Amino acid sequence: ISCDLNFRRKLWSSDLAGKTMTGLMEFIDVLICNEEDAEMVFGIKARDTDVAGGQLNREGYVDVARQLQERFGLSHVAITLRESISATVNNWSALLYTKKHPVFSRKYSIQIVDRVGGGDSFAAGLIYGLSEGWQMLQVVEFAVAASCLKHTIPGDFNLVSLEEVESLVSGDGSGRIQR
């Protein structure tokens, strides 16, 4: 059972979200979040990280994932890592943490067309890879690539094929049409 924490302050307070989500965590196997979600909902902050300034500390994120896993007995914690260069250029990667073992994806520099659905595409890619029984690095690479491609597509839906995601994972970021 997966949960995308996806905190939205316009929908509820950090206090209410924390109480509600804490009560649900006993039923969750895979938690998907970003550093702001973990802090706003559970009070767990990535140390030595300045999201607004684009400075991310990988070890701080490993610590956040470890704390989440230990507190809630989760099998997997996935944390997306966004480095905002500008409103339209971001670096994008993720951490997948399981059994006290962190695995980071490669980092992509993306030209954003539409961020809406990027997190959902990451979650879908993660769930797909886990359900296929892939190795953790393969899972997080696939999820990040699916999300990265979605950032380049307008609208809510990720309209790419499995082959297009696999092509990006394999290192082909050319964007060339394959006929």
N, C-alpha and C. Protein backbone atom coordinates (compact mmCIF):
# COMPACT_ATOMS: atom_id res chain seq x y z
N ILE A 1 0.86 -1.17 0.00
CA ILE A 1 0.00 0.00 0.00
C ILE A 1 0.90 1.22 0.00
N SER A 2 0.65 2.12 -0.94
CA SER A 2 1.47 3.31 -1.06
C SER A 2 0.68 4.55 -0.66
N CYS A 3 1.41 5.57 -0.25
CA CYS A 3 0.81 6.85 0.12
C CYS A 3 1.71 7.96 -0.40
N ASP A 4 1.14 8.86 -1.18
CA ASP A 4 1.84 10.07 -1.61
C ASP A 4 1.44 11.15 -0.62
N LEU A 5 2.35 11.56 0.23
CA LEU A 5 2.04 12.49 1.31
C LEU A 5 1.46 13.80 0.78
N ASN A 6 2.09 14.41 -0.21
CA ASN A 6 1.51 15.50 -1.00
C ASN A 6 0.76 16.54 -0.17
N PHE A 7 1.40 17.11 0.83
CA PHE A 7 0.77 18.10 1.71
C PHE A 7 0.41 19.37 0.94
N ARG A 8 -0.82 19.86 1.16
CA ARG A 8 -1.27 21.12 0.57
C ARG A 8 -1.83 22.01 1.69
N ARG A 9 -1.11 23.08 2.00
CA ARG A 9 -1.50 23.93 3.13
C ARG A 9 -2.84 24.63 2.91
N LYS A 10 -3.31 24.75 1.68
CA LYS A 10 -4.62 25.36 1.43
C LYS A 10 -5.77 24.40 1.78
N LEU A 11 -5.44 23.11 1.93
CA LEU A 11 -6.47 22.12 2.23
C LEU A 11 -6.60 21.82 3.72
N TRP A 12 -5.48 21.89 4.44
CA TRP A 12 -5.53 21.63 5.88
C TRP A 12 -4.26 22.11 6.55
N SER A 13 -4.31 22.17 7.87
CA SER A 13 -3.15 22.65 8.62
C SER A 13 -2.12 21.54 8.78
N SER A 14 -0.89 21.94 9.10
CA SER A 14 0.15 20.95 9.38
C SER A 14 -0.24 20.07 10.55
N ASP A 15 -0.86 20.68 11.55
CA ASP A 15 -1.28 19.94 12.75
C ASP A 15 -2.29 18.83 12.40
N LEU A 16 -3.33 19.20 11.67
CA LEU A 16 -4.36 18.22 11.31
C LEU A 16 -3.79 17.17 10.36
N ALA A 17 -2.98 17.60 9.41
CA ALA A 17 -2.35 16.64 8.48
C ALA A 17 -1.48 15.66 9.25
N GLY A 18 -0.69 16.17 10.20
CA GLY A 18 0.19 15.31 10.99
C GLY A 18 -0.58 14.28 11.79
N LYS A 19 -1.64 14.72 12.45
CA LYS A 19 -2.45 13.78 13.24
C LYS A 19 -3.13 12.75 12.35
N THR A 20 -3.69 13.20 11.25
CA THR A 20 -4.41 12.29 10.35
C THR A 20 -3.46 11.30 9.69
N MET A 21 -2.37 11.80 9.14
CA MET A 21 -1.44 10.92 8.43
C MET A 21 -0.71 9.97 9.38
N THR A 22 -0.41 10.42 10.59
CA THR A 22 0.22 9.53 11.57
C THR A 22 -0.70 8.34 11.84
N GLY A 23 -1.99 8.58 11.94
CA GLY A 23 -2.94 7.50 12.15
C GLY A 23 -3.04 6.53 10.99
N LEU A 24 -2.73 7.00 9.80
CA LEU A 24 -2.81 6.14 8.61
C LEU A 24 -1.51 5.36 8.33
N MET A 25 -0.40 5.83 8.87
CA MET A 25 0.90 5.26 8.52
C MET A 25 1.04 3.78 8.86
N GLU A 26 0.29 3.29 9.85
CA GLU A 26 0.39 1.87 10.17
C GLU A 26 -0.07 0.98 9.03
N PHE A 27 -0.82 1.53 8.09
CA PHE A 27 -1.33 0.76 6.96
C PHE A 27 -0.49 0.90 5.71
N ILE A 28 0.56 1.71 5.76
CA ILE A 28 1.35 2.08 4.58
C ILE A 28 2.64 1.27 4.50
N ASP A 29 2.96 0.82 3.29
CA ASP A 29 4.23 0.14 3.03
C ASP A 29 5.24 1.08 2.37
N VAL A 30 4.75 1.86 1.41
CA VAL A 30 5.61 2.73 0.60
C VAL A 30 5.13 4.17 0.77
N LEU A 31 6.02 5.03 1.30
CA LEU A 31 5.69 6.44 1.46
C LEU A 31 6.45 7.25 0.43
N ILE A 32 5.72 8.12 -0.28
CA ILE A 32 6.30 9.00 -1.29
C ILE A 32 6.10 10.43 -0.80
N CYS A 33 7.18 11.20 -0.81
CA CYS A 33 7.06 12.58 -0.33
C CYS A 33 8.22 13.42 -0.86
N ASN A 34 8.22 14.68 -0.50
CA ASN A 34 9.38 15.53 -0.71
C ASN A 34 9.78 16.09 0.65
N GLU A 35 10.83 16.89 0.68
CA GLU A 35 11.34 17.36 1.97
C GLU A 35 10.34 18.27 2.68
N GLU A 36 9.59 19.05 1.92
CA GLU A 36 8.60 19.94 2.53
C GLU A 36 7.46 19.15 3.16
N ASP A 37 7.01 18.09 2.49
CA ASP A 37 5.95 17.24 3.05
C ASP A 37 6.38 16.66 4.39
N ALA A 38 7.57 16.08 4.43
CA ALA A 38 8.07 15.45 5.66
C ALA A 38 8.15 16.46 6.80
N GLU A 39 8.57 17.67 6.48
CA GLU A 39 8.67 18.70 7.51
C GLU A 39 7.30 19.22 7.94
N MET A 40 6.45 19.53 6.99
CA MET A 40 5.15 20.12 7.30
C MET A 40 4.20 19.15 8.00
N VAL A 41 4.29 17.87 7.65
CA VAL A 41 3.37 16.89 8.21
C VAL A 41 3.94 16.20 9.45
N PHE A 42 5.21 15.82 9.41
CA PHE A 42 5.78 15.05 10.52
C PHE A 42 6.87 15.77 11.29
N GLY A 43 7.20 17.00 10.90
CA GLY A 43 8.21 17.76 11.62
C GLY A 43 9.62 17.25 11.42
N ILE A 44 9.86 16.50 10.35
CA ILE A 44 11.19 15.96 10.06
C ILE A 44 11.82 16.80 8.96
N LYS A 45 12.92 17.47 9.30
CA LYS A 45 13.54 18.41 8.37
C LYS A 45 14.88 17.86 7.87
N ALA A 46 15.14 18.05 6.58
CA ALA A 46 16.43 17.68 6.00
C ALA A 46 17.47 18.69 6.45
N ARG A 47 18.46 18.24 7.18
CA ARG A 47 19.47 19.17 7.70
C ARG A 47 20.38 19.67 6.58
N ASP A 48 20.92 20.87 6.79
CA ASP A 48 21.86 21.50 5.85
C ASP A 48 21.29 21.59 4.44
N THR A 49 19.99 21.89 4.35
CA THR A 49 19.32 22.00 3.06
C THR A 49 18.61 23.34 2.97
N ASP A 50 18.77 23.99 1.81
CA ASP A 50 18.09 25.25 1.53
C ASP A 50 17.37 25.07 0.19
N VAL A 51 16.11 24.64 0.27
CA VAL A 51 15.34 24.34 -0.94
C VAL A 51 15.21 25.56 -1.83
N ALA A 52 14.87 26.70 -1.24
CA ALA A 52 14.69 27.93 -2.02
C ALA A 52 15.99 28.33 -2.72
N GLY A 53 17.11 28.07 -2.08
CA GLY A 53 18.41 28.41 -2.66
C GLY A 53 18.99 27.32 -3.55
N GLY A 54 18.26 26.20 -3.66
CA GLY A 54 18.72 25.11 -4.52
C GLY A 54 19.85 24.28 -3.93
N GLN A 55 20.05 24.35 -2.61
CA GLN A 55 21.12 23.59 -1.97
C GLN A 55 20.53 22.38 -1.25
N LEU A 56 20.78 21.20 -1.77
CA LEU A 56 20.27 19.97 -1.17
C LEU A 56 21.41 19.15 -0.59
N ASN A 57 21.21 18.65 0.61
CA ASN A 57 22.19 17.81 1.28
C ASN A 57 21.70 16.36 1.23
N ARG A 58 22.34 15.56 0.42
CA ARG A 58 21.90 14.17 0.24
C ARG A 58 21.82 13.42 1.56
N GLU A 59 22.80 13.60 2.43
CA GLU A 59 22.79 12.89 3.72
C GLU A 59 21.63 13.35 4.59
N GLY A 60 21.24 14.60 4.47
CA GLY A 60 20.06 15.09 5.19
C GLY A 60 18.80 14.37 4.74
N TYR A 61 18.71 14.08 3.46
CA TYR A 61 17.54 13.37 2.94
C TYR A 61 17.55 11.90 3.35
N VAL A 62 18.73 11.30 3.40
CA VAL A 62 18.85 9.93 3.88
C VAL A 62 18.37 9.87 5.33
N ASP A 63 18.75 10.87 6.12
CA ASP A 63 18.32 10.92 7.52
C ASP A 63 16.80 11.06 7.63
N VAL A 64 16.20 11.90 6.79
CA VAL A 64 14.74 12.04 6.78
C VAL A 64 14.09 10.69 6.46
N ALA A 65 14.57 10.01 5.44
CA ALA A 65 14.00 8.72 5.04
C ALA A 65 14.17 7.69 6.17
N ARG A 66 15.34 7.69 6.80
CA ARG A 66 15.58 6.76 7.90
C ARG A 66 14.61 7.01 9.04
N GLN A 67 14.42 8.29 9.40
CA GLN A 67 13.50 8.62 10.48
C GLN A 67 12.07 8.20 10.15
N LEU A 68 11.65 8.44 8.92
CA LEU A 68 10.30 8.04 8.51
C LEU A 68 10.14 6.52 8.57
N GLN A 69 11.14 5.80 8.06
CA GLN A 69 11.07 4.34 8.07
C GLN A 69 11.03 3.80 9.49
N GLU A 70 11.88 4.32 10.34
CA GLU A 70 11.91 3.84 11.72
C GLU A 70 10.65 4.21 12.50
N ARG A 71 10.16 5.42 12.32
CA ARG A 71 8.97 5.86 13.06
C ARG A 71 7.74 5.06 12.67
N PHE A 72 7.60 4.76 11.37
CA PHE A 72 6.35 4.17 10.90
C PHE A 72 6.47 2.73 10.41
N GLY A 73 7.66 2.14 10.43
CA GLY A 73 7.83 0.76 9.99
C GLY A 73 7.57 0.56 8.50
N LEU A 74 7.93 1.54 7.70
CA LEU A 74 7.69 1.49 6.25
C LEU A 74 8.71 0.58 5.58
N SER A 75 8.30 -0.09 4.51
CA SER A 75 9.27 -0.91 3.76
C SER A 75 10.10 -0.04 2.82
N HIS A 76 9.51 1.02 2.27
CA HIS A 76 10.20 1.92 1.33
C HIS A 76 9.80 3.36 1.60
N VAL A 77 10.77 4.26 1.46
CA VAL A 77 10.51 5.69 1.49
C VAL A 77 11.14 6.28 0.24
N ALA A 78 10.34 6.99 -0.54
CA ALA A 78 10.84 7.66 -1.74
C ALA A 78 10.70 9.16 -1.53
N ILE A 79 11.79 9.88 -1.76
CA ILE A 79 11.79 11.33 -1.60
C ILE A 79 12.26 11.95 -2.91
N THR A 80 11.42 12.80 -3.49
CA THR A 80 11.82 13.51 -4.70
C THR A 80 12.67 14.71 -4.32
N LEU A 81 13.65 15.01 -5.16
CA LEU A 81 14.61 16.09 -4.89
C LEU A 81 14.57 17.09 -6.04
N ARG A 82 13.98 18.24 -5.76
CA ARG A 82 13.87 19.28 -6.78
C ARG A 82 14.81 20.42 -6.42
N GLU A 83 15.68 20.77 -7.35
CA GLU A 83 16.54 21.93 -7.21
C GLU A 83 16.02 22.98 -8.19
N SER A 84 15.43 24.03 -7.66
CA SER A 84 14.83 25.07 -8.50
C SER A 84 15.89 26.06 -8.93
N ILE A 85 16.26 25.98 -10.18
CA ILE A 85 17.20 26.94 -10.76
C ILE A 85 16.42 28.21 -11.13
N SER A 86 15.24 28.00 -11.72
CA SER A 86 14.32 29.09 -12.05
C SER A 86 12.93 28.48 -12.12
N ALA A 87 11.95 29.29 -12.48
CA ALA A 87 10.59 28.77 -12.59
C ALA A 87 10.46 27.73 -13.70
N THR A 88 11.33 27.80 -14.69
CA THR A 88 11.22 26.88 -15.82
C THR A 88 12.37 25.89 -15.95
N VAL A 89 13.38 26.02 -15.12
CA VAL A 89 14.51 25.08 -15.15
C VAL A 89 14.72 24.53 -13.75
N ASN A 90 14.65 23.21 -13.66
CA ASN A 90 14.88 22.53 -12.39
C ASN A 90 15.81 21.36 -12.60
N ASN A 91 16.56 21.01 -11.55
CA ASN A 91 17.23 19.72 -11.50
C ASN A 91 16.29 18.78 -10.77
N TRP A 92 16.23 17.54 -11.22
CA TRP A 92 15.23 16.59 -10.71
C TRP A 92 15.88 15.24 -10.48
N SER A 93 15.71 14.72 -9.29
CA SER A 93 16.23 13.40 -8.94
C SER A 93 15.40 12.87 -7.77
N ALA A 94 15.79 11.70 -7.25
CA ALA A 94 15.05 11.13 -6.12
C ALA A 94 15.93 10.17 -5.34
N LEU A 95 15.48 9.90 -4.15
CA LEU A 95 16.08 8.94 -3.24
C LEU A 95 15.05 7.85 -2.97
N LEU A 96 15.49 6.60 -3.03
CA LEU A 96 14.65 5.48 -2.60
C LEU A 96 15.39 4.81 -1.46
N TYR A 97 14.73 4.70 -0.33
CA TYR A 97 15.35 4.18 0.89
C TYR A 97 14.60 2.94 1.34
N THR A 98 15.34 1.86 1.54
CA THR A 98 14.74 0.64 2.03
C THR A 98 15.78 -0.14 2.84
N LYS A 99 15.33 -0.71 3.92
CA LYS A 99 16.20 -1.54 4.77
C LYS A 99 17.52 -0.85 5.08
N LYS A 100 17.42 0.42 5.46
CA LYS A 100 18.59 1.22 5.81
C LYS A 100 19.58 1.37 4.66
N HIS A 101 19.08 1.25 3.44
CA HIS A 101 19.94 1.35 2.26
C HIS A 101 19.41 2.44 1.33
N PRO A 102 20.13 3.56 1.17
CA PRO A 102 19.70 4.63 0.27
C PRO A 102 20.20 4.40 -1.15
N VAL A 103 19.34 4.68 -2.11
CA VAL A 103 19.70 4.63 -3.52
C VAL A 103 19.22 5.92 -4.16
N PHE A 104 20.15 6.65 -4.79
CA PHE A 104 19.81 7.89 -5.47
C PHE A 104 19.78 7.68 -6.98
N SER A 105 18.82 8.33 -7.62
CA SER A 105 18.78 8.33 -9.09
C SER A 105 19.81 9.32 -9.60
N ARG A 106 20.00 9.30 -10.91
CA ARG A 106 20.79 10.36 -11.54
C ARG A 106 19.98 11.65 -11.49
N LYS A 107 20.64 12.75 -11.72
CA LYS A 107 19.99 14.06 -11.70
C LYS A 107 19.79 14.53 -13.13
N TYR A 108 18.56 14.97 -13.42
CA TYR A 108 18.23 15.52 -14.73
C TYR A 108 18.05 17.02 -14.61
N SER A 109 18.50 17.76 -15.60
CA SER A 109 18.18 19.17 -15.73
C SER A 109 17.02 19.24 -16.71
N ILE A 110 15.89 19.75 -16.24
CA ILE A 110 14.70 19.74 -17.10
C ILE A 110 14.19 21.15 -17.37
N GLN A 111 13.71 21.34 -18.61
CA GLN A 111 13.03 22.54 -19.03
C GLN A 111 11.54 22.27 -18.81
N ILE A 112 10.95 22.93 -17.84
CA ILE A 112 9.58 22.62 -17.44
C ILE A 112 8.57 23.27 -18.37
N VAL A 113 7.65 22.44 -18.85
CA VAL A 113 6.49 22.92 -19.60
C VAL A 113 5.30 22.99 -18.65
N ASP A 114 5.13 21.93 -17.82
CA ASP A 114 4.01 21.87 -16.89
C ASP A 114 4.39 20.93 -15.74
N ARG A 115 4.41 21.44 -14.52
CA ARG A 115 4.76 20.61 -13.35
C ARG A 115 3.60 19.75 -12.89
N VAL A 116 2.37 20.12 -13.24
CA VAL A 116 1.20 19.39 -12.77
C VAL A 116 1.28 17.94 -13.28
N GLY A 117 1.17 17.01 -12.36
CA GLY A 117 1.23 15.59 -12.70
C GLY A 117 2.62 15.00 -12.60
N GLY A 118 3.64 15.83 -12.34
CA GLY A 118 5.00 15.32 -12.23
C GLY A 118 5.16 14.36 -11.05
N GLY A 119 4.58 14.73 -9.91
CA GLY A 119 4.65 13.85 -8.74
C GLY A 119 3.86 12.57 -8.93
N ASP A 120 2.69 12.69 -9.57
CA ASP A 120 1.89 11.49 -9.84
C ASP A 120 2.62 10.55 -10.80
N SER A 121 3.31 11.12 -11.77
CA SER A 121 4.08 10.29 -12.70
C SER A 121 5.23 9.60 -11.99
N PHE A 122 5.86 10.29 -11.06
CA PHE A 122 6.91 9.66 -10.25
C PHE A 122 6.32 8.50 -9.47
N ALA A 123 5.21 8.74 -8.79
CA ALA A 123 4.57 7.69 -7.98
C ALA A 123 4.18 6.49 -8.85
N ALA A 124 3.62 6.75 -10.01
CA ALA A 124 3.22 5.66 -10.91
C ALA A 124 4.43 4.85 -11.36
N GLY A 125 5.51 5.54 -11.72
CA GLY A 125 6.73 4.85 -12.12
C GLY A 125 7.32 4.03 -10.99
N LEU A 126 7.29 4.58 -9.79
CA LEU A 126 7.80 3.87 -8.62
C LEU A 126 6.98 2.61 -8.35
N ILE A 127 5.67 2.75 -8.34
CA ILE A 127 4.80 1.61 -8.08
C ILE A 127 4.96 0.55 -9.17
N TYR A 128 5.07 0.98 -10.41
CA TYR A 128 5.27 0.04 -11.51
C TYR A 128 6.56 -0.76 -11.31
N GLY A 129 7.65 -0.06 -11.04
CA GLY A 129 8.93 -0.74 -10.85
C GLY A 129 8.93 -1.70 -9.67
N LEU A 130 8.32 -1.27 -8.56
CA LEU A 130 8.23 -2.14 -7.39
C LEU A 130 7.37 -3.37 -7.69
N SER A 131 6.26 -3.17 -8.39
CA SER A 131 5.37 -4.30 -8.70
C SER A 131 6.01 -5.28 -9.69
N GLU A 132 6.96 -4.79 -10.48
CA GLU A 132 7.69 -5.66 -11.41
C GLU A 132 8.83 -6.40 -10.71
N GLY A 133 9.11 -6.03 -9.46
CA GLY A 133 10.17 -6.70 -8.71
C GLY A 133 11.58 -6.28 -9.10
N TRP A 134 11.72 -5.07 -9.64
CA TRP A 134 13.02 -4.59 -10.08
C TRP A 134 13.93 -4.29 -8.89
N GLN A 135 15.22 -4.19 -9.17
CA GLN A 135 16.20 -3.74 -8.19
C GLN A 135 15.91 -2.27 -7.86
N MET A 136 16.29 -1.84 -6.66
CA MET A 136 15.94 -0.50 -6.19
C MET A 136 16.48 0.62 -7.10
N LEU A 137 17.70 0.48 -7.60
CA LEU A 137 18.22 1.51 -8.50
C LEU A 137 17.40 1.60 -9.77
N GLN A 138 17.02 0.47 -10.32
CA GLN A 138 16.19 0.45 -11.53
C GLN A 138 14.83 1.10 -11.26
N VAL A 139 14.26 0.84 -10.09
CA VAL A 139 12.96 1.41 -9.73
C VAL A 139 13.03 2.93 -9.68
N VAL A 140 14.01 3.46 -8.93
CA VAL A 140 14.08 4.91 -8.76
C VAL A 140 14.48 5.61 -10.06
N GLU A 141 15.32 4.98 -10.87
CA GLU A 141 15.68 5.57 -12.17
C GLU A 141 14.46 5.65 -13.09
N PHE A 142 13.65 4.61 -13.10
CA PHE A 142 12.45 4.58 -13.95
C PHE A 142 11.45 5.65 -13.48
N ALA A 143 11.23 5.73 -12.16
CA ALA A 143 10.27 6.69 -11.63
C ALA A 143 10.68 8.13 -11.94
N VAL A 144 11.96 8.43 -11.77
CA VAL A 144 12.44 9.79 -12.04
C VAL A 144 12.35 10.10 -13.54
N ALA A 145 12.71 9.15 -14.38
CA ALA A 145 12.62 9.37 -15.83
C ALA A 145 11.18 9.61 -16.27
N ALA A 146 10.23 8.83 -15.74
CA ALA A 146 8.82 9.02 -16.09
C ALA A 146 8.36 10.41 -15.68
N SER A 147 8.75 10.83 -14.50
CA SER A 147 8.38 12.15 -14.00
C SER A 147 9.06 13.26 -14.80
N CYS A 148 10.32 13.05 -15.11
CA CYS A 148 11.08 14.03 -15.89
C CYS A 148 10.39 14.28 -17.24
N LEU A 149 10.00 13.22 -17.91
CA LEU A 149 9.32 13.37 -19.19
C LEU A 149 7.98 14.08 -19.03
N LYS A 150 7.25 13.78 -17.95
CA LYS A 150 5.96 14.44 -17.73
C LYS A 150 6.13 15.95 -17.59
N HIS A 151 7.20 16.40 -16.98
CA HIS A 151 7.43 17.84 -16.82
C HIS A 151 7.50 18.56 -18.17
N THR A 152 7.71 17.83 -19.25
CA THR A 152 7.83 18.44 -20.58
C THR A 152 6.54 18.37 -21.38
N ILE A 153 5.45 17.92 -20.76
CA ILE A 153 4.17 17.72 -21.44
C ILE A 153 3.11 18.58 -20.77
N PRO A 154 2.36 19.39 -21.54
CA PRO A 154 1.29 20.17 -20.92
C PRO A 154 0.12 19.28 -20.49
N GLY A 155 -0.56 19.67 -19.43
CA GLY A 155 -1.72 18.92 -18.95
C GLY A 155 -1.37 17.97 -17.82
N ASP A 156 -2.40 17.33 -17.30
CA ASP A 156 -2.26 16.47 -16.13
C ASP A 156 -1.66 15.11 -16.40
N PHE A 157 -1.77 14.61 -17.60
CA PHE A 157 -1.44 13.21 -17.87
C PHE A 157 -0.07 13.04 -18.52
N ASN A 158 0.60 11.98 -18.12
CA ASN A 158 1.88 11.63 -18.72
C ASN A 158 1.61 10.79 -19.96
N LEU A 159 1.77 11.38 -21.11
CA LEU A 159 1.40 10.74 -22.37
C LEU A 159 2.58 10.05 -23.04
N VAL A 160 3.50 9.50 -22.27
CA VAL A 160 4.66 8.82 -22.85
C VAL A 160 4.47 7.31 -22.74
N SER A 161 5.19 6.60 -23.57
CA SER A 161 5.11 5.14 -23.57
C SER A 161 6.18 4.56 -22.65
N LEU A 162 6.02 3.30 -22.35
CA LEU A 162 7.01 2.56 -21.57
C LEU A 162 8.37 2.63 -22.26
N GLU A 163 8.36 2.49 -23.58
CA GLU A 163 9.61 2.52 -24.35
C GLU A 163 10.30 3.88 -24.25
N GLU A 164 9.53 4.96 -24.23
CA GLU A 164 10.13 6.29 -24.12
C GLU A 164 10.78 6.50 -22.75
N VAL A 165 10.14 6.00 -21.71
CA VAL A 165 10.74 6.10 -20.37
C VAL A 165 12.00 5.25 -20.32
N GLU A 166 11.92 4.03 -20.82
CA GLU A 166 13.10 3.15 -20.83
C GLU A 166 14.24 3.74 -21.63
N SER A 167 13.93 4.44 -22.71
CA SER A 167 14.96 5.08 -23.53
C SER A 167 15.68 6.16 -22.73
N LEU A 168 14.92 6.97 -21.99
CA LEU A 168 15.55 8.00 -21.17
C LEU A 168 16.39 7.36 -20.06
N VAL A 169 15.88 6.32 -19.44
CA VAL A 169 16.63 5.61 -18.39
C VAL A 169 17.95 5.08 -18.94
N SER A 170 17.93 4.61 -20.17
CA SER A 170 19.14 4.03 -20.76
C SER A 170 20.16 5.10 -21.19
N GLY A 171 19.77 6.38 -21.07
CA GLY A 171 20.73 7.45 -21.36
C GLY A 171 20.43 8.24 -22.59
N ASP A 172 19.37 7.92 -23.32
CA ASP A 172 19.03 8.66 -24.52
C ASP A 172 18.12 9.83 -24.16
N GLY A 173 18.70 10.97 -23.91
CA GLY A 173 17.95 12.17 -23.59
C GLY A 173 17.85 13.12 -24.76
N SER A 174 18.06 12.59 -25.97
CA SER A 174 18.09 13.45 -27.16
C SER A 174 16.74 14.02 -27.52
N GLY A 175 15.66 13.30 -27.17
CA GLY A 175 14.33 13.74 -27.56
C GLY A 175 14.01 13.50 -29.02
N ARG A 176 14.90 12.80 -29.72
CA ARG A 176 14.68 12.54 -31.14
C ARG A 176 13.54 11.56 -31.33
N ILE A 177 12.77 11.77 -32.37
CA ILE A 177 11.68 10.87 -32.70
C ILE A 177 12.26 9.58 -33.28
N GLN A 178 11.79 8.48 -32.76
CA GLN A 178 12.22 7.16 -33.24
C GLN A 178 11.16 6.63 -34.20
N ARG A 179 11.54 6.42 -35.47
CA ARG A 179 10.58 5.93 -36.48
C ARG A 179 10.89 4.51 -36.84
